[in-house]
Amino acid sequence: MQLSDKTPVRLHPYRLSPPKMQYLKEHIKTLIRGVIEPNLSNYSSPMFLVPETGGGVYHAVIVFRMVNKRMSILSMPLPDFRSAFN
């Protein structure tokens, strides 16, 4: 995949209620300990929280719509699946 436009995508974060913002800050702190790392990229996409069924726990979702609009997919033919098993 390649970006068709080299201008960085910079979107403002979505507003969250104070309890959700606190949850998100704590969640990010736990992720920084081993899953993600800080970055100084020119790109930024908004994030929001989706409640899990049962309540109390949220899933963090990042909106990449604007980045995806600028992606051009380089298509290649798929190999014959039989050749993968021989």
PDB file of N, CA and C in Angstrom:
ATOM      1  N   MET A   1       0.827  -1.173   0.000  1.00  0.00           N
ATOM      2  CA  MET A   1       0.000   0.000   0.000  1.00  0.00           C
ATOM      3  C   MET A   1       0.878   1.245   0.000  1.00  0.00           C
ATOM      4  N   GLN A   2       0.397   2.258  -0.660  1.00  0.00           N
ATOM      5  CA  GLN A   2       1.105   3.531  -0.731  1.00  0.00           C
ATOM      6  C   GLN A   2       0.124   4.663  -0.482  1.00  0.00           C
ATOM      7  N   LEU A   3       0.646   5.750   0.066  1.00  0.00           N
ATOM      8  CA  LEU A   3      -0.179   6.940   0.239  1.00  0.00           C
ATOM      9  C   LEU A   3      -0.201   7.716  -1.076  1.00  0.00           C
ATOM     10  N   SER A   4      -1.393   8.064  -1.533  1.00  0.00           N
ATOM     11  CA  SER A   4      -1.502   8.818  -2.783  1.00  0.00           C
ATOM     12  C   SER A   4      -1.162  10.287  -2.569  1.00  0.00           C
ATOM     13  N   ASP A   5      -1.314  10.770  -1.348  1.00  0.00           N
ATOM     14  CA  ASP A   5      -1.027  12.161  -1.014  1.00  0.00           C
ATOM     15  C   ASP A   5      -0.062  12.161   0.169  1.00  0.00           C
ATOM     16  N   LYS A   6       1.042  12.854   0.065  1.00  0.00           N
ATOM     17  CA  LYS A   6       2.072  12.848   1.107  1.00  0.00           C
ATOM     18  C   LYS A   6       1.808  13.843   2.236  1.00  0.00           C
ATOM     19  N   THR A   7       0.720  14.618   2.158  1.00  0.00           N
ATOM     20  CA  THR A   7       0.388  15.556   3.223  1.00  0.00           C
ATOM     21  C   THR A   7      -0.071  14.775   4.446  1.00  0.00           C
ATOM     22  N   PRO A   8       0.517  15.001   5.628  1.00  0.00           N
ATOM     23  CA  PRO A   8       0.110  14.261   6.823  1.00  0.00           C
ATOM     24  C   PRO A   8      -1.346  14.528   7.218  1.00  0.00           C
ATOM     25  N   VAL A   9      -1.987  13.508   7.739  1.00  0.00           N
ATOM     26  CA  VAL A   9      -3.358  13.613   8.230  1.00  0.00           C
ATOM     27  C   VAL A   9      -3.281  13.995   9.703  1.00  0.00           C
ATOM     28  N   ARG A  10      -3.829  15.135  10.040  1.00  0.00           N
ATOM     29  CA  ARG A  10      -3.841  15.599  11.432  1.00  0.00           C
ATOM     30  C   ARG A  10      -5.266  15.941  11.819  1.00  0.00           C
ATOM     31  N   LEU A  11      -5.886  15.080  12.601  1.00  0.00           N
ATOM     32  CA  LEU A  11      -7.250  15.310  13.052  1.00  0.00           C
ATOM     33  C   LEU A  11      -7.254  15.545  14.557  1.00  0.00           C
ATOM     34  N   HIS A  12      -8.157  16.389  15.012  1.00  0.00           N
ATOM     35  CA  HIS A  12      -8.267  16.682  16.435  1.00  0.00           C
ATOM     36  C   HIS A  12      -8.886  15.492  17.161  1.00  0.00           C
ATOM     37  N   PRO A  13      -8.512  15.288  18.419  1.00  0.00           N
ATOM     38  CA  PRO A  13      -9.133  14.195  19.180  1.00  0.00           C
ATOM     39  C   PRO A  13     -10.598  14.473  19.460  1.00  0.00           C
ATOM     40  N   TYR A  14     -11.364  13.402  19.603  1.00  0.00           N
ATOM     41  CA  TYR A  14     -12.768  13.544  19.980  1.00  0.00           C
ATOM     42  C   TYR A  14     -12.852  13.895  21.462  1.00  0.00           C
ATOM     43  N   ARG A  15     -13.897  14.625  21.827  1.00  0.00           N
ATOM     44  CA  ARG A  15     -14.107  14.941  23.235  1.00  0.00           C
ATOM     45  C   ARG A  15     -14.681  13.722  23.939  1.00  0.00           C
ATOM     46  N   LEU A  16     -14.185  13.479  25.147  1.00  0.00           N
ATOM     47  CA  LEU A  16     -14.678  12.379  25.964  1.00  0.00           C
ATOM     48  C   LEU A  16     -15.155  12.930  27.294  1.00  0.00           C
ATOM     49  N   SER A  17     -16.093  12.243  27.899  1.00  0.00           N
ATOM     50  CA  SER A  17     -16.538  12.633  29.236  1.00  0.00           C
ATOM     51  C   SER A  17     -15.384  12.403  30.216  1.00  0.00           C
ATOM     52  N   PRO A  18     -15.351  13.118  31.335  1.00  0.00           N
ATOM     53  CA  PRO A  18     -14.242  12.945  32.293  1.00  0.00           C
ATOM     54  C   PRO A  18     -14.007  11.504  32.753  1.00  0.00           C
ATOM     55  N   PRO A  19     -15.060  10.699  33.045  1.00  0.00           N
ATOM     56  CA  PRO A  19     -14.775   9.307  33.431  1.00  0.00           C
ATOM     57  C   PRO A  19     -14.131   8.497  32.296  1.00  0.00           C
ATOM     58  N   LYS A  20     -14.598   8.713  31.059  1.00  0.00           N
ATOM     59  CA  LYS A  20     -14.004   7.996  29.926  1.00  0.00           C
ATOM     60  C   LYS A  20     -12.579   8.465  29.667  1.00  0.00           C
ATOM     61  N   MET A  21     -12.318   9.762  29.832  1.00  0.00           N
ATOM     62  CA  MET A  21     -10.968  10.293  29.639  1.00  0.00           C
ATOM     63  C   MET A  21     -10.016   9.687  30.670  1.00  0.00           C
ATOM     64  N   GLN A  22     -10.452   9.572  31.918  1.00  0.00           N
ATOM     65  CA  GLN A  22      -9.625   8.968  32.957  1.00  0.00           C
ATOM     66  C   GLN A  22      -9.349   7.505  32.636  1.00  0.00           C
ATOM     67  N   TYR A  23     -10.376   6.779  32.197  1.00  0.00           N
ATOM     68  CA  TYR A  23     -10.198   5.382  31.806  1.00  0.00           C
ATOM     69  C   TYR A  23      -9.197   5.270  30.659  1.00  0.00           C
ATOM     70  N   LEU A  24      -9.312   6.153  29.670  1.00  0.00           N
ATOM     71  CA  LEU A  24      -8.413   6.115  28.519  1.00  0.00           C
ATOM     72  C   LEU A  24      -6.973   6.408  28.933  1.00  0.00           C
ATOM     73  N   LYS A  25      -6.758   7.377  29.805  1.00  0.00           N
ATOM     74  CA  LYS A  25      -5.405   7.689  30.272  1.00  0.00           C
ATOM     75  C   LYS A  25      -4.782   6.497  30.983  1.00  0.00           C
ATOM     76  N   GLU A  26      -5.556   5.832  31.848  1.00  0.00           N
ATOM     77  CA  GLU A  26      -5.041   4.654  32.555  1.00  0.00           C
ATOM     78  C   GLU A  26      -4.768   3.513  31.587  1.00  0.00           C
ATOM     79  N   HIS A  27      -5.641   3.345  30.604  1.00  0.00           N
ATOM     80  CA  HIS A  27      -5.461   2.282  29.606  1.00  0.00           C
ATOM     81  C   HIS A  27      -4.193   2.527  28.782  1.00  0.00           C
ATOM     82  N   ILE A  28      -3.959   3.758  28.389  1.00  0.00           N
ATOM     83  CA  ILE A  28      -2.754   4.082  27.619  1.00  0.00           C
ATOM     84  C   ILE A  28      -1.498   3.853  28.454  1.00  0.00           C
ATOM     85  N   LYS A  29      -1.536   4.201  29.745  1.00  0.00           N
ATOM     86  CA  LYS A  29      -0.391   3.965  30.620  1.00  0.00           C
ATOM     87  C   LYS A  29      -0.035   2.487  30.680  1.00  0.00           C
ATOM     88  N   THR A  30      -1.048   1.613  30.745  1.00  0.00           N
ATOM     89  CA  THR A  30      -0.762   0.173  30.780  1.00  0.00           C
ATOM     90  C   THR A  30      -0.239  -0.316  29.433  1.00  0.00           C
ATOM     91  N   LEU A  31      -0.724   0.258  28.336  1.00  0.00           N
ATOM     92  CA  LEU A  31      -0.247  -0.156  27.018  1.00  0.00           C
ATOM     93  C   LEU A  31       1.187   0.290  26.766  1.00  0.00           C
ATOM     94  N   ILE A  32       1.573   1.445  27.304  1.00  0.00           N
ATOM     95  CA  ILE A  32       2.936   1.947  27.095  1.00  0.00           C
ATOM     96  C   ILE A  32       3.962   1.035  27.761  1.00  0.00           C
ATOM     97  N   ARG A  33       3.552   0.304  28.763  1.00  0.00           N
ATOM     98  CA  ARG A  33       4.484  -0.585  29.473  1.00  0.00           C
ATOM     99  C   ARG A  33       4.946  -1.773  28.644  1.00  0.00           C
ATOM    100  N   GLY A  34       4.325  -2.061  27.524  1.00  0.00           N
ATOM    101  CA  GLY A  34       4.793  -3.217  26.780  1.00  0.00           C
ATOM    102  C   GLY A  34       4.209  -3.403  25.396  1.00  0.00           C
ATOM    103  N   VAL A  35       3.153  -2.691  25.056  1.00  0.00           N
ATOM    104  CA  VAL A  35       2.498  -2.919  23.773  1.00  0.00           C
ATOM    105  C   VAL A  35       2.783  -1.797  22.785  1.00  0.00           C
ATOM    106  N   ILE A  36       2.679  -0.542  23.233  1.00  0.00           N
ATOM    107  CA  ILE A  36       2.886   0.606  22.351  1.00  0.00           C
ATOM    108  C   ILE A  36       4.060   1.423  22.849  1.00  0.00           C
ATOM    109  N   GLU A  37       4.510   2.347  22.026  1.00  0.00           N
ATOM    110  CA  GLU A  37       5.584   3.255  22.431  1.00  0.00           C
ATOM    111  C   GLU A  37       5.237   4.668  21.963  1.00  0.00           C
ATOM    112  N   PRO A  38       5.732   5.679  22.681  1.00  0.00           N
ATOM    113  CA  PRO A  38       5.462   7.059  22.272  1.00  0.00           C
ATOM    114  C   PRO A  38       6.036   7.345  20.878  1.00  0.00           C
ATOM    115  N   ASN A  39       5.364   8.228  20.151  1.00  0.00           N
ATOM    116  CA  ASN A  39       5.763   8.522  18.789  1.00  0.00           C
ATOM    117  C   ASN A  39       5.580  10.016  18.526  1.00  0.00           C
ATOM    118  N   LEU A  40       6.452  10.591  17.717  1.00  0.00           N
ATOM    119  CA  LEU A  40       6.353  12.005  17.347  1.00  0.00           C
ATOM    120  C   LEU A  40       6.017  12.138  15.860  1.00  0.00           C
ATOM    121  N   SER A  41       5.045  11.375  15.409  1.00  0.00           N
ATOM    122  CA  SER A  41       4.654  11.354  14.014  1.00  0.00           C
ATOM    123  C   SER A  41       3.868  12.618  13.645  1.00  0.00           C
ATOM    124  N   ASN A  42       3.859  12.944  12.367  1.00  0.00           N
ATOM    125  CA  ASN A  42       3.059  14.059  11.865  1.00  0.00           C
ATOM    126  C   ASN A  42       1.597  13.665  11.660  1.00  0.00           C
ATOM    127  N   TYR A  43       1.281  12.389  11.781  1.00  0.00           N
ATOM    128  CA  TYR A  43      -0.068  11.893  11.584  1.00  0.00           C
ATOM    129  C   TYR A  43      -0.757  11.760  12.936  1.00  0.00           C
ATOM    130  N   SER A  44      -2.037  12.090  12.985  1.00  0.00           N
ATOM    131  CA  SER A  44      -2.823  11.858  14.195  1.00  0.00           C
ATOM    132  C   SER A  44      -4.263  11.553  13.797  1.00  0.00           C
ATOM    133  N   SER A  45      -4.815  10.538  14.426  1.00  0.00           N
ATOM    134  CA  SER A  45      -6.199  10.134  14.186  1.00  0.00           C
ATOM    135  C   SER A  45      -6.922  10.088  15.514  1.00  0.00           C
ATOM    136  N   PRO A  46      -8.204  10.437  15.526  1.00  0.00           N
ATOM    137  CA  PRO A  46      -8.943  10.447  16.786  1.00  0.00           C
ATOM    138  C   PRO A  46      -9.238   9.040  17.300  1.00  0.00           C
ATOM    139  N   MET A  47      -9.441   8.957  18.601  1.00  0.00           N
ATOM    140  CA  MET A  47      -9.746   7.700  19.269  1.00  0.00           C
ATOM    141  C   MET A  47     -11.015   7.890  20.095  1.00  0.00           C
ATOM    142  N   PHE A  48     -11.805   6.856  20.191  1.00  0.00           N
ATOM    143  CA  PHE A  48     -12.959   6.901  21.083  1.00  0.00           C
ATOM    144  C   PHE A  48     -13.102   5.545  21.757  1.00  0.00           C
ATOM    145  N   LEU A  49     -13.956   5.479  22.764  1.00  0.00           N
ATOM    146  CA  LEU A  49     -14.147   4.260  23.538  1.00  0.00           C
ATOM    147  C   LEU A  49     -15.528   3.677  23.266  1.00  0.00           C
ATOM    148  N   VAL A  50     -15.559   2.364  23.039  1.00  0.00           N
ATOM    149  CA  VAL A  50     -16.810   1.654  22.816  1.00  0.00           C
ATOM    150  C   VAL A  50     -17.036   0.746  24.022  1.00  0.00           C
ATOM    151  N   PRO A  51     -18.188   0.864  24.694  1.00  0.00           N
ATOM    152  CA  PRO A  51     -18.425   0.015  25.862  1.00  0.00           C
ATOM    153  C   PRO A  51     -18.617  -1.444  25.473  1.00  0.00           C
ATOM    154  N   GLU A  52     -18.032  -2.310  26.266  1.00  0.00           N
ATOM    155  CA  GLU A  52     -18.197  -3.738  26.059  1.00  0.00           C
ATOM    156  C   GLU A  52     -19.543  -4.147  26.643  1.00  0.00           C
ATOM    157  N   THR A  53     -20.141  -5.189  26.129  1.00  0.00           N
ATOM    158  CA  THR A  53     -21.410  -5.638  26.682  1.00  0.00           C
ATOM    159  C   THR A  53     -21.183  -6.089  28.122  1.00  0.00           C
ATOM    160  N   GLY A  54     -22.013  -5.662  29.011  1.00  0.00           N
ATOM    161  CA  GLY A  54     -21.833  -5.952  30.427  1.00  0.00           C
ATOM    162  C   GLY A  54     -21.386  -4.721  31.187  1.00  0.00           C
ATOM    163  N   GLY A  55     -20.813  -3.755  30.487  1.00  0.00           N
ATOM    164  CA  GLY A  55     -20.438  -2.475  31.091  1.00  0.00           C
ATOM    165  C   GLY A  55     -19.134  -2.509  31.864  1.00  0.00           C
ATOM    166  N   GLY A  56     -18.634  -1.309  32.162  1.00  0.00           N
ATOM    167  CA  GLY A  56     -17.429  -1.170  32.966  1.00  0.00           C
ATOM    168  C   GLY A  56     -16.139  -1.198  32.188  1.00  0.00           C
ATOM    169  N   VAL A  57     -16.092  -1.945  31.099  1.00  0.00           N
ATOM    170  CA  VAL A  57     -14.868  -2.081  30.308  1.00  0.00           C
ATOM    171  C   VAL A  57     -15.120  -1.500  28.924  1.00  0.00           C
ATOM    172  N   TYR A  58     -14.127  -0.845  28.393  1.00  0.00           N
ATOM    173  CA  TYR A  58     -14.239  -0.228  27.067  1.00  0.00           C
ATOM    174  C   TYR A  58     -13.182  -0.777  26.121  1.00  0.00           C
ATOM    175  N   HIS A  59     -13.477  -0.708  24.849  1.00  0.00           N
ATOM    176  CA  HIS A  59     -12.514  -1.001  23.792  1.00  0.00           C
ATOM    177  C   HIS A  59     -12.105   0.327  23.166  1.00  0.00           C
ATOM    178  N   ALA A  60     -10.811   0.555  23.048  1.00  0.00           N
ATOM    179  CA  ALA A  60     -10.322   1.764  22.388  1.00  0.00           C
ATOM    180  C   ALA A  60     -10.348   1.535  20.878  1.00  0.00           C
ATOM    181  N   VAL A  61     -10.936   2.481  20.154  1.00  0.00           N
ATOM    182  CA  VAL A  61     -11.060   2.388  18.702  1.00  0.00           C
ATOM    183  C   VAL A  61     -10.447   3.640  18.092  1.00  0.00           C
ATOM    184  N   ILE A  62      -9.544   3.460  17.118  1.00  0.00           N
ATOM    185  CA  ILE A  62      -8.916   4.581  16.425  1.00  0.00           C
ATOM    186  C   ILE A  62      -9.549   4.707  15.047  1.00  0.00           C
ATOM    187  N   VAL A  63      -9.892   5.926  14.670  1.00  0.00           N
ATOM    188  CA  VAL A  63     -10.566   6.182  13.396  1.00  0.00           C
ATOM    189  C   VAL A  63      -9.503   6.520  12.342  1.00  0.00           C
ATOM    190  N   PHE A  64      -9.305   5.604  11.394  1.00  0.00           N
ATOM    191  CA  PHE A  64      -8.314   5.790  10.336  1.00  0.00           C
ATOM    192  C   PHE A  64      -8.959   6.101   8.993  1.00  0.00           C
ATOM    193  N   ARG A  65     -10.187   6.620   8.978  1.00  0.00           N
ATOM    194  CA  ARG A  65     -10.890   6.865   7.718  1.00  0.00           C
ATOM    195  C   ARG A  65     -10.114   7.776   6.773  1.00  0.00           C
ATOM    196  N   MET A  66      -9.571   8.874   7.310  1.00  0.00           N
ATOM    197  CA  MET A  66      -8.874   9.830   6.447  1.00  0.00           C
ATOM    198  C   MET A  66      -7.577   9.236   5.880  1.00  0.00           C
ATOM    199  N   VAL A  67      -6.878   8.438   6.673  1.00  0.00           N
ATOM    200  CA  VAL A  67      -5.663   7.782   6.181  1.00  0.00           C
ATOM    201  C   VAL A  67      -6.044   6.745   5.127  1.00  0.00           C
ATOM    202  N   ASN A  68      -7.098   5.987   5.395  1.00  0.00           N
ATOM    203  CA  ASN A  68      -7.522   4.960   4.443  1.00  0.00           C
ATOM    204  C   ASN A  68      -7.961   5.557   3.109  1.00  0.00           C
ATOM    205  N   LYS A  69      -8.545   6.761   3.123  1.00  0.00           N
ATOM    206  CA  LYS A  69      -8.950   7.405   1.869  1.00  0.00           C
ATOM    207  C   LYS A  69      -7.749   7.723   0.988  1.00  0.00           C
ATOM    208  N   ARG A  70      -6.607   7.942   1.613  1.00  0.00           N
ATOM    209  CA  ARG A  70      -5.399   8.306   0.860  1.00  0.00           C
ATOM    210  C   ARG A  70      -4.554   7.104   0.459  1.00  0.00           C
ATOM    211  N   MET A  71      -4.959   5.915   0.852  1.00  0.00           N
ATOM    212  CA  MET A  71      -4.185   4.718   0.527  1.00  0.00           C
ATOM    213  C   MET A  71      -4.540   4.217  -0.866  1.00  0.00           C
ATOM    214  N   SER A  72      -3.534   3.854  -1.605  1.00  0.00           N
ATOM    215  CA  SER A  72      -3.763   3.181  -2.877  1.00  0.00           C
ATOM    216  C   SER A  72      -3.184   1.780  -2.744  1.00  0.00           C
ATOM    217  N   ILE A  73      -4.012   0.808  -3.008  1.00  0.00           N
ATOM    218  CA  ILE A  73      -3.622  -0.590  -2.836  1.00  0.00           C
ATOM    219  C   ILE A  73      -2.962  -1.081  -4.106  1.00  0.00           C
ATOM    220  N   LEU A  74      -1.786  -1.625  -3.962  1.00  0.00           N
ATOM    221  CA  LEU A  74      -1.078  -2.220  -5.085  1.00  0.00           C
ATOM    222  C   LEU A  74      -1.556  -3.660  -5.194  1.00  0.00           C
ATOM    223  N   SER A  75      -2.363  -3.944  -6.187  1.00  0.00           N
ATOM    224  CA  SER A  75      -2.935  -5.284  -6.292  1.00  0.00           C
ATOM    225  C   SER A  75      -1.975  -6.224  -7.008  1.00  0.00           C
ATOM    226  N   MET A  76      -1.938  -7.433  -6.499  1.00  0.00           N
ATOM    227  CA  MET A  76      -1.132  -8.487  -7.095  1.00  0.00           C
ATOM    228  C   MET A  76      -1.999  -9.728  -7.172  1.00  0.00           C
ATOM    229  N   PRO A  77      -1.819 -10.529  -8.189  1.00  0.00           N
ATOM    230  CA  PRO A  77      -2.634 -11.743  -8.273  1.00  0.00           C
ATOM    231  C   PRO A  77      -2.241 -12.718  -7.156  1.00  0.00           C
ATOM    232  N   LEU A  78      -3.240 -13.395  -6.625  1.00  0.00           N
ATOM    233  CA  LEU A  78      -2.976 -14.401  -5.607  1.00  0.00           C
ATOM    234  C   LEU A  78      -2.414 -15.650  -6.254  1.00  0.00           C
ATOM    235  N   PRO A  79      -1.475 -16.314  -5.589  1.00  0.00           N
ATOM    236  CA  PRO A  79      -0.955 -17.551  -6.153  1.00  0.00           C
ATOM    237  C   PRO A  79      -2.006 -18.657  -6.060  1.00  0.00           C
ATOM    238  N   ASP A  80      -1.830 -19.672  -6.848  1.00  0.00           N
ATOM    239  CA  ASP A  80      -2.719 -20.825  -6.805  1.00  0.00           C
ATOM    240  C   ASP A  80      -2.572 -21.484  -5.431  1.00  0.00           C
ATOM    241  N   PHE A  81      -3.663 -21.702  -4.728  1.00  0.00           N
ATOM    242  CA  PHE A  81      -3.580 -22.223  -3.370  1.00  0.00           C
ATOM    243  C   PHE A  81      -3.007 -23.627  -3.316  1.00  0.00           C
ATOM    244  N   ARG A  82      -3.134 -24.396  -4.403  1.00  0.00           N
ATOM    245  CA  ARG A  82      -2.599 -25.767  -4.428  1.00  0.00           C
ATOM    246  C   ARG A  82      -1.063 -25.753  -4.350  1.00  0.00           C
ATOM    247  N   SER A  83      -0.447 -24.712  -4.907  1.00  0.00           N
ATOM    248  CA  SER A  83       1.012 -24.656  -4.882  1.00  0.00           C
ATOM    249  C   SER A  83       1.542 -24.408  -3.471  1.00  0.00           C
ATOM    250  N   ALA A  84       0.731 -23.841  -2.598  1.00  0.00           N
ATOM    251  CA  ALA A  84       1.160 -23.611  -1.232  1.00  0.00           C
ATOM    252  C   ALA A  84       1.228 -24.905  -0.437  1.00  0.00           C
ATOM    253  N   PHE A  85       0.489 -25.939  -0.860  1.00  0.00           N
ATOM    254  CA  PHE A  85       0.439 -27.201  -0.119  1.00  0.00           C
ATOM    255  C   PHE A  85       1.305 -28.286  -0.747  1.00  0.00           C
ATOM    256  N   ASN A  86       1.991 -28.010  -1.812  1.00  0.00           N
ATOM    257  CA  ASN A  86       2.851 -29.027  -2.458  1.00  0.00           C
ATOM    258  C   ASN A  86       4.283 -28.853  -2.078  1.00  0.00           C
TER     259      ASN A  86
END
